[in-house]
Amino acid sequence: MEKTVRFKLNISRDEALRYYHGTARNVIVQTENGQRLQFPAEHIRQFIDHLGVNGVFSIRFSEDNKLIDFQRVS
């Protein structure tokens, strides 16, 4: 069974650049239901702008916890 979780990101421009350049490899967030979630930073690179990364996102996982989809919700 697939699983979808939502979380907020509010990452400054300077911190986002660390993810973009690969000096920080993983992002750790707390989901809306209180779980701690870690995923590869490469998934946020497309959402980095001049302010950093801000918004509500969702991740969909397969039964074996492989990332299927990552998107900005708002």
C-alpha atoms as a PDB file:
ATOM      1  CA  MET A   1       0.000   0.000   0.000  1.00  0.00           C
ATOM      2  CA  GLU A   2       1.334   3.417  -0.948  1.00  0.00           C
ATOM      3  CA  LYS A   3       1.656   6.110   1.684  1.00  0.00           C
ATOM      4  CA  THR A   4       1.523   9.900   1.292  1.00  0.00           C
ATOM      5  CA  VAL A   5       2.779  12.367   3.890  1.00  0.00           C
ATOM      6  CA  ARG A   6       2.683  16.172   3.960  1.00  0.00           C
ATOM      7  CA  PHE A   7       5.076  18.629   5.574  1.00  0.00           C
ATOM      8  CA  LYS A   8       6.085  22.286   5.532  1.00  0.00           C
ATOM      9  CA  LEU A   9       9.482  23.531   4.407  1.00  0.00           C
ATOM     10  CA  ASN A  10      10.860  26.939   5.277  1.00  0.00           C
ATOM     11  CA  ILE A  11      14.510  26.825   4.224  1.00  0.00           C
ATOM     12  CA  SER A  12      16.551  30.010   3.869  1.00  0.00           C
ATOM     13  CA  ARG A  13      18.370  30.828   0.645  1.00  0.00           C
ATOM     14  CA  ASP A  14      21.790  30.111   2.187  1.00  0.00           C
ATOM     15  CA  GLU A  15      20.732  26.751   3.575  1.00  0.00           C
ATOM     16  CA  ALA A  16      18.980  25.849   0.301  1.00  0.00           C
ATOM     17  CA  LEU A  17      22.235  26.486  -1.562  1.00  0.00           C
ATOM     18  CA  ARG A  18      23.927  23.859   0.623  1.00  0.00           C
ATOM     19  CA  TYR A  19      21.331  21.352  -0.591  1.00  0.00           C
ATOM     20  CA  TYR A  20      21.643  22.552  -4.173  1.00  0.00           C
ATOM     21  CA  HIS A  21      25.431  22.208  -4.261  1.00  0.00           C
ATOM     22  CA  GLY A  22      25.383  18.857  -2.488  1.00  0.00           C
ATOM     23  CA  THR A  23      27.199  19.834   0.709  1.00  0.00           C
ATOM     24  CA  ALA A  24      24.052  18.799   2.588  1.00  0.00           C
ATOM     25  CA  ARG A  25      22.783  15.511   1.197  1.00  0.00           C
ATOM     26  CA  ASN A  26      19.621  14.793   3.205  1.00  0.00           C
ATOM     27  CA  VAL A  27      16.637  16.816   4.355  1.00  0.00           C
ATOM     28  CA  ILE A  28      15.000  15.954   7.673  1.00  0.00           C
ATOM     29  CA  VAL A  29      11.468  17.213   8.336  1.00  0.00           C
ATOM     30  CA  GLN A  30       8.583  16.635  10.696  1.00  0.00           C
ATOM     31  CA  THR A  31       5.420  15.622   8.866  1.00  0.00           C
ATOM     32  CA  GLU A  32       1.970  17.013   9.634  1.00  0.00           C
ATOM     33  CA  ASN A  33       1.183  13.878  11.650  1.00  0.00           C
ATOM     34  CA  GLY A  34       4.352  14.268  13.757  1.00  0.00           C
ATOM     35  CA  GLN A  35       6.594  11.682  12.103  1.00  0.00           C
ATOM     36  CA  ARG A  36      10.251  12.399  11.388  1.00  0.00           C
ATOM     37  CA  LEU A  37      11.091  11.943   7.716  1.00  0.00           C
ATOM     38  CA  GLN A  38      14.470  11.966   5.965  1.00  0.00           C
ATOM     39  CA  PHE A  39      14.890  12.081   2.189  1.00  0.00           C
ATOM     40  CA  PRO A  40      17.638  12.922  -0.343  1.00  0.00           C
ATOM     41  CA  ALA A  41      18.128  16.663  -0.894  1.00  0.00           C
ATOM     42  CA  GLU A  42      18.083  16.207  -4.673  1.00  0.00           C
ATOM     43  CA  HIS A  43      14.271  16.171  -4.487  1.00  0.00           C
ATOM     44  CA  ILE A  44      14.034  19.807  -3.335  1.00  0.00           C
ATOM     45  CA  ARG A  45      16.473  21.275  -5.869  1.00  0.00           C
ATOM     46  CA  GLN A  46      13.743  22.060  -8.410  1.00  0.00           C
ATOM     47  CA  PHE A  47      11.875  24.108  -5.779  1.00  0.00           C
ATOM     48  CA  ILE A  48      14.780  26.368  -4.752  1.00  0.00           C
ATOM     49  CA  ASP A  49      14.271  30.025  -5.686  1.00  0.00           C
ATOM     50  CA  HIS A  50      15.836  33.335  -4.665  1.00  0.00           C
ATOM     51  CA  LEU A  51      14.210  33.063  -1.201  1.00  0.00           C
ATOM     52  CA  GLY A  52      15.124  29.431  -0.565  1.00  0.00           C
ATOM     53  CA  VAL A  53      12.435  26.746  -0.325  1.00  0.00           C
ATOM     54  CA  ASN A  54       9.052  27.542   1.183  1.00  0.00           C
ATOM     55  CA  GLY A  55       5.694  25.814   1.096  1.00  0.00           C
ATOM     56  CA  VAL A  56       3.746  22.680   1.876  1.00  0.00           C
ATOM     57  CA  PHE A  57       4.945  19.527   0.149  1.00  0.00           C
ATOM     58  CA  SER A  58       3.842  15.936  -0.171  1.00  0.00           C
ATOM     59  CA  ILE A  59       5.811  12.758  -0.709  1.00  0.00           C
ATOM     60  CA  ARG A  60       4.316   9.478  -1.868  1.00  0.00           C
ATOM     61  CA  PHE A  61       6.095   6.228  -1.000  1.00  0.00           C
ATOM     62  CA  SER A  62       5.687   2.665  -2.202  1.00  0.00           C
ATOM     63  CA  GLU A  63       5.121  -0.264   0.157  1.00  0.00           C
ATOM     64  CA  ASP A  64       8.889  -0.753   0.399  1.00  0.00           C
ATOM     65  CA  ASN A  65       9.449   2.960   1.198  1.00  0.00           C
ATOM     66  CA  LYS A  66      10.769   3.955  -2.217  1.00  0.00           C
ATOM     67  CA  LEU A  67       9.938   7.535  -3.150  1.00  0.00           C
ATOM     68  CA  ILE A  68       7.361   7.634  -5.954  1.00  0.00           C
ATOM     69  CA  ASP A  69       6.380  11.303  -6.105  1.00  0.00           C
ATOM     70  CA  PHE A  70       7.473  14.602  -4.544  1.00  0.00           C
ATOM     71  CA  GLN A  71       5.456  17.758  -5.128  1.00  0.00           C
ATOM     72  CA  ARG A  72       4.604  21.182  -3.783  1.00  0.00           C
ATOM     73  CA  VAL A  73       1.020  21.343  -2.551  1.00  0.00           C
ATOM     74  CA  SER A  74       0.977  25.072  -1.803  1.00  0.00           C
END
